[in-house]
Structure formats: structure tokens, C-alpha cells
Amino acid sequence: MRRKNLDQQESEESTRSLPKSGDVFRCESCGMELEIIADCGCDEGPRLECCGQPMSRADDAGGI
């Protein structure tokens, strides 16, 4: 039962981290910003990178 709860929690966390329509991402190196205008249907989601680094959510200090 505990494993099922952990699997469900991991699934919810990964779903929350997927970019959604309206999210804005920023490159911490050059400052370029990107706005998501359509949700991604992939299981793993897109890889948003710029200047060789993952982009972070503009409204989230912790990044992706």
C-alpha cells in the first residue's frame, strides 16, 4: 500500500512540473523568456533549455 501511495505522489509531482499553457520560463543566463501557449501531450514533457542550461519558471525561484 505504501508503494502505491509513493507511485501516486511521484505521478502527481511529475504532472505538476510539466509546462502548461500560460507558464513562462526564463533563461537565467541571458534572460530570454518563453511562454507556453499549448500543453504538451508527451509523457515526459519537453526539455526547455537555453545557453546549455535548463530554463526555470519565471514565477518560481526553484526552477524546473
N, C-alpha and C. Protein backbone atom coordinates (compact mmCIF):
# COMPACT_ATOMS: atom_id res chain seq x y z
N MET A 1 0.83 -1.20 0.00
CA MET A 1 0.00 0.00 0.00
C MET A 1 0.87 1.26 0.00
N ARG A 2 1.94 1.24 0.79
CA ARG A 2 2.83 2.40 0.85
C ARG A 2 3.45 2.69 -0.52
N ARG A 3 3.83 1.64 -1.27
CA ARG A 3 4.43 1.81 -2.59
C ARG A 3 3.42 2.46 -3.55
N LYS A 4 2.16 2.05 -3.44
CA LYS A 4 1.12 2.64 -4.29
C LYS A 4 1.00 4.14 -4.01
N ASN A 5 1.03 4.53 -2.75
CA ASN A 5 0.95 5.94 -2.39
C ASN A 5 2.16 6.71 -2.91
N LEU A 6 3.35 6.10 -2.83
CA LEU A 6 4.55 6.76 -3.35
C LEU A 6 4.48 6.92 -4.86
N ASP A 7 4.00 5.89 -5.57
CA ASP A 7 3.85 5.98 -7.02
C ASP A 7 2.87 7.09 -7.40
N GLN A 8 1.76 7.18 -6.67
CA GLN A 8 0.76 8.21 -6.94
C GLN A 8 1.35 9.59 -6.67
N GLN A 9 2.11 9.75 -5.60
CA GLN A 9 2.72 11.03 -5.27
C GLN A 9 3.73 11.44 -6.34
N GLU A 10 4.56 10.50 -6.79
CA GLU A 10 5.54 10.79 -7.84
C GLU A 10 4.84 11.20 -9.13
N SER A 11 3.74 10.54 -9.47
CA SER A 11 2.98 10.85 -10.66
C SER A 11 2.40 12.26 -10.58
N GLU A 12 1.85 12.63 -9.42
CA GLU A 12 1.29 13.96 -9.23
C GLU A 12 2.37 15.03 -9.32
N GLU A 13 3.56 14.75 -8.74
CA GLU A 13 4.65 15.72 -8.78
C GLU A 13 5.14 15.92 -10.20
N SER A 14 5.26 14.85 -10.98
CA SER A 14 5.74 14.99 -12.35
C SER A 14 4.71 15.72 -13.20
N THR A 15 3.42 15.51 -12.94
CA THR A 15 2.38 16.21 -13.68
C THR A 15 2.42 17.70 -13.37
N ARG A 16 2.66 18.05 -12.10
CA ARG A 16 2.74 19.46 -11.73
C ARG A 16 3.93 20.14 -12.39
N SER A 17 5.02 19.42 -12.62
CA SER A 17 6.22 20.04 -13.15
C SER A 17 6.16 20.20 -14.66
N LEU A 18 5.21 19.55 -15.34
CA LEU A 18 5.10 19.70 -16.79
C LEU A 18 4.62 21.10 -17.12
N PRO A 19 5.23 21.71 -18.13
CA PRO A 19 4.77 23.04 -18.54
C PRO A 19 3.33 23.00 -19.02
N LYS A 20 2.57 24.00 -18.64
CA LYS A 20 1.17 24.12 -19.05
C LYS A 20 0.98 25.44 -19.80
N SER A 21 -0.06 25.51 -20.56
CA SER A 21 -0.39 26.73 -21.28
C SER A 21 -0.43 27.91 -20.32
N GLY A 22 0.26 28.98 -20.66
CA GLY A 22 0.31 30.18 -19.82
C GLY A 22 1.56 30.27 -18.96
N ASP A 23 2.28 29.15 -18.77
CA ASP A 23 3.54 29.19 -17.99
C ASP A 23 4.59 29.99 -18.75
N VAL A 24 5.44 30.66 -18.01
CA VAL A 24 6.55 31.42 -18.59
C VAL A 24 7.85 30.89 -18.01
N PHE A 25 8.82 30.65 -18.90
CA PHE A 25 10.13 30.15 -18.50
C PHE A 25 11.18 31.17 -18.88
N ARG A 26 12.23 31.26 -18.06
CA ARG A 26 13.29 32.26 -18.27
C ARG A 26 14.65 31.57 -18.23
N CYS A 27 15.54 32.04 -19.11
CA CYS A 27 16.93 31.59 -19.08
C CYS A 27 17.66 32.45 -18.05
N GLU A 28 18.25 31.81 -17.05
CA GLU A 28 18.96 32.54 -16.00
C GLU A 28 20.24 33.19 -16.52
N SER A 29 20.75 32.71 -17.65
CA SER A 29 22.00 33.23 -18.19
C SER A 29 21.78 34.48 -19.05
N CYS A 30 20.91 34.38 -20.04
CA CYS A 30 20.74 35.51 -20.98
C CYS A 30 19.45 36.30 -20.77
N GLY A 31 18.51 35.75 -20.01
CA GLY A 31 17.26 36.46 -19.72
C GLY A 31 16.14 36.23 -20.72
N MET A 32 16.38 35.41 -21.76
CA MET A 32 15.32 35.14 -22.73
C MET A 32 14.14 34.49 -22.01
N GLU A 33 12.93 34.84 -22.40
CA GLU A 33 11.73 34.24 -21.82
C GLU A 33 10.91 33.55 -22.89
N LEU A 34 10.22 32.51 -22.47
CA LEU A 34 9.40 31.72 -23.34
C LEU A 34 8.06 31.49 -22.68
N GLU A 35 6.96 31.74 -23.40
CA GLU A 35 5.63 31.48 -22.86
C GLU A 35 5.04 30.26 -23.55
N ILE A 36 4.52 29.34 -22.76
CA ILE A 36 3.88 28.15 -23.31
C ILE A 36 2.47 28.53 -23.72
N ILE A 37 2.13 28.27 -24.99
CA ILE A 37 0.79 28.63 -25.46
C ILE A 37 -0.07 27.39 -25.73
N ALA A 38 0.53 26.20 -25.69
CA ALA A 38 -0.24 24.96 -25.83
C ALA A 38 0.41 23.89 -24.97
N ASP A 39 -0.41 23.09 -24.30
CA ASP A 39 0.11 22.00 -23.46
C ASP A 39 0.80 20.95 -24.32
N CYS A 40 1.79 20.29 -23.75
CA CYS A 40 2.49 19.20 -24.40
C CYS A 40 1.78 17.89 -24.04
N GLY A 41 1.59 17.02 -25.00
CA GLY A 41 0.92 15.76 -24.75
C GLY A 41 1.87 14.61 -24.47
N CYS A 42 3.17 14.87 -24.45
CA CYS A 42 4.17 13.82 -24.22
C CYS A 42 4.14 13.37 -22.76
N ASP A 43 4.51 12.11 -22.53
CA ASP A 43 4.57 11.58 -21.17
C ASP A 43 5.66 12.26 -20.35
N GLU A 44 6.81 12.49 -20.95
CA GLU A 44 7.94 13.08 -20.23
C GLU A 44 7.95 14.61 -20.29
N GLY A 45 7.24 15.19 -21.21
CA GLY A 45 7.23 16.63 -21.36
C GLY A 45 8.44 17.13 -22.13
N PRO A 46 8.44 18.40 -22.50
CA PRO A 46 9.53 18.97 -23.29
C PRO A 46 10.75 19.28 -22.43
N ARG A 47 11.88 19.40 -23.07
CA ARG A 47 13.11 19.85 -22.41
C ARG A 47 13.34 21.29 -22.83
N LEU A 48 13.16 22.18 -21.90
CA LEU A 48 13.33 23.60 -22.18
C LEU A 48 14.72 24.03 -21.73
N GLU A 49 15.58 24.29 -22.69
CA GLU A 49 16.96 24.68 -22.39
C GLU A 49 17.35 25.90 -23.20
N CYS A 50 18.27 26.66 -22.65
CA CYS A 50 18.84 27.83 -23.33
C CYS A 50 20.24 28.02 -22.76
N CYS A 51 21.17 28.43 -23.56
CA CYS A 51 22.56 28.64 -23.12
C CYS A 51 23.13 27.39 -22.44
N GLY A 52 22.65 26.21 -22.88
CA GLY A 52 23.15 24.95 -22.35
C GLY A 52 22.65 24.59 -20.96
N GLN A 53 21.63 25.30 -20.46
CA GLN A 53 21.10 25.05 -19.12
C GLN A 53 19.58 24.94 -19.18
N PRO A 54 18.98 24.17 -18.25
CA PRO A 54 17.52 24.12 -18.19
C PRO A 54 16.96 25.50 -17.84
N MET A 55 15.85 25.84 -18.49
CA MET A 55 15.20 27.12 -18.18
C MET A 55 14.38 26.95 -16.90
N SER A 56 14.20 28.03 -16.16
CA SER A 56 13.41 27.98 -14.92
C SER A 56 12.10 28.72 -15.12
N ARG A 57 11.12 28.33 -14.33
CA ARG A 57 9.84 29.05 -14.39
C ARG A 57 10.08 30.49 -13.93
N ALA A 58 9.50 31.42 -14.67
CA ALA A 58 9.69 32.83 -14.34
C ALA A 58 9.07 33.20 -13.01
N ASP A 59 8.03 32.46 -12.60
CA ASP A 59 7.35 32.76 -11.33
C ASP A 59 7.77 31.82 -10.21
N ASP A 60 8.85 31.06 -10.42
CA ASP A 60 9.29 30.07 -9.44
C ASP A 60 10.79 30.18 -9.21
N ALA A 61 11.20 30.55 -8.03
CA ALA A 61 12.63 30.70 -7.73
C ALA A 61 13.36 29.38 -7.80
N GLY A 62 12.67 28.25 -7.64
CA GLY A 62 13.32 26.94 -7.63
C GLY A 62 13.59 26.36 -9.00
N GLY A 63 13.02 26.92 -10.06
CA GLY A 63 13.22 26.38 -11.39
C GLY A 63 12.42 25.11 -11.62
N ILE A 64 12.79 24.42 -12.71
CA ILE A 64 12.08 23.18 -13.02
C ILE A 64 12.78 21.99 -12.50
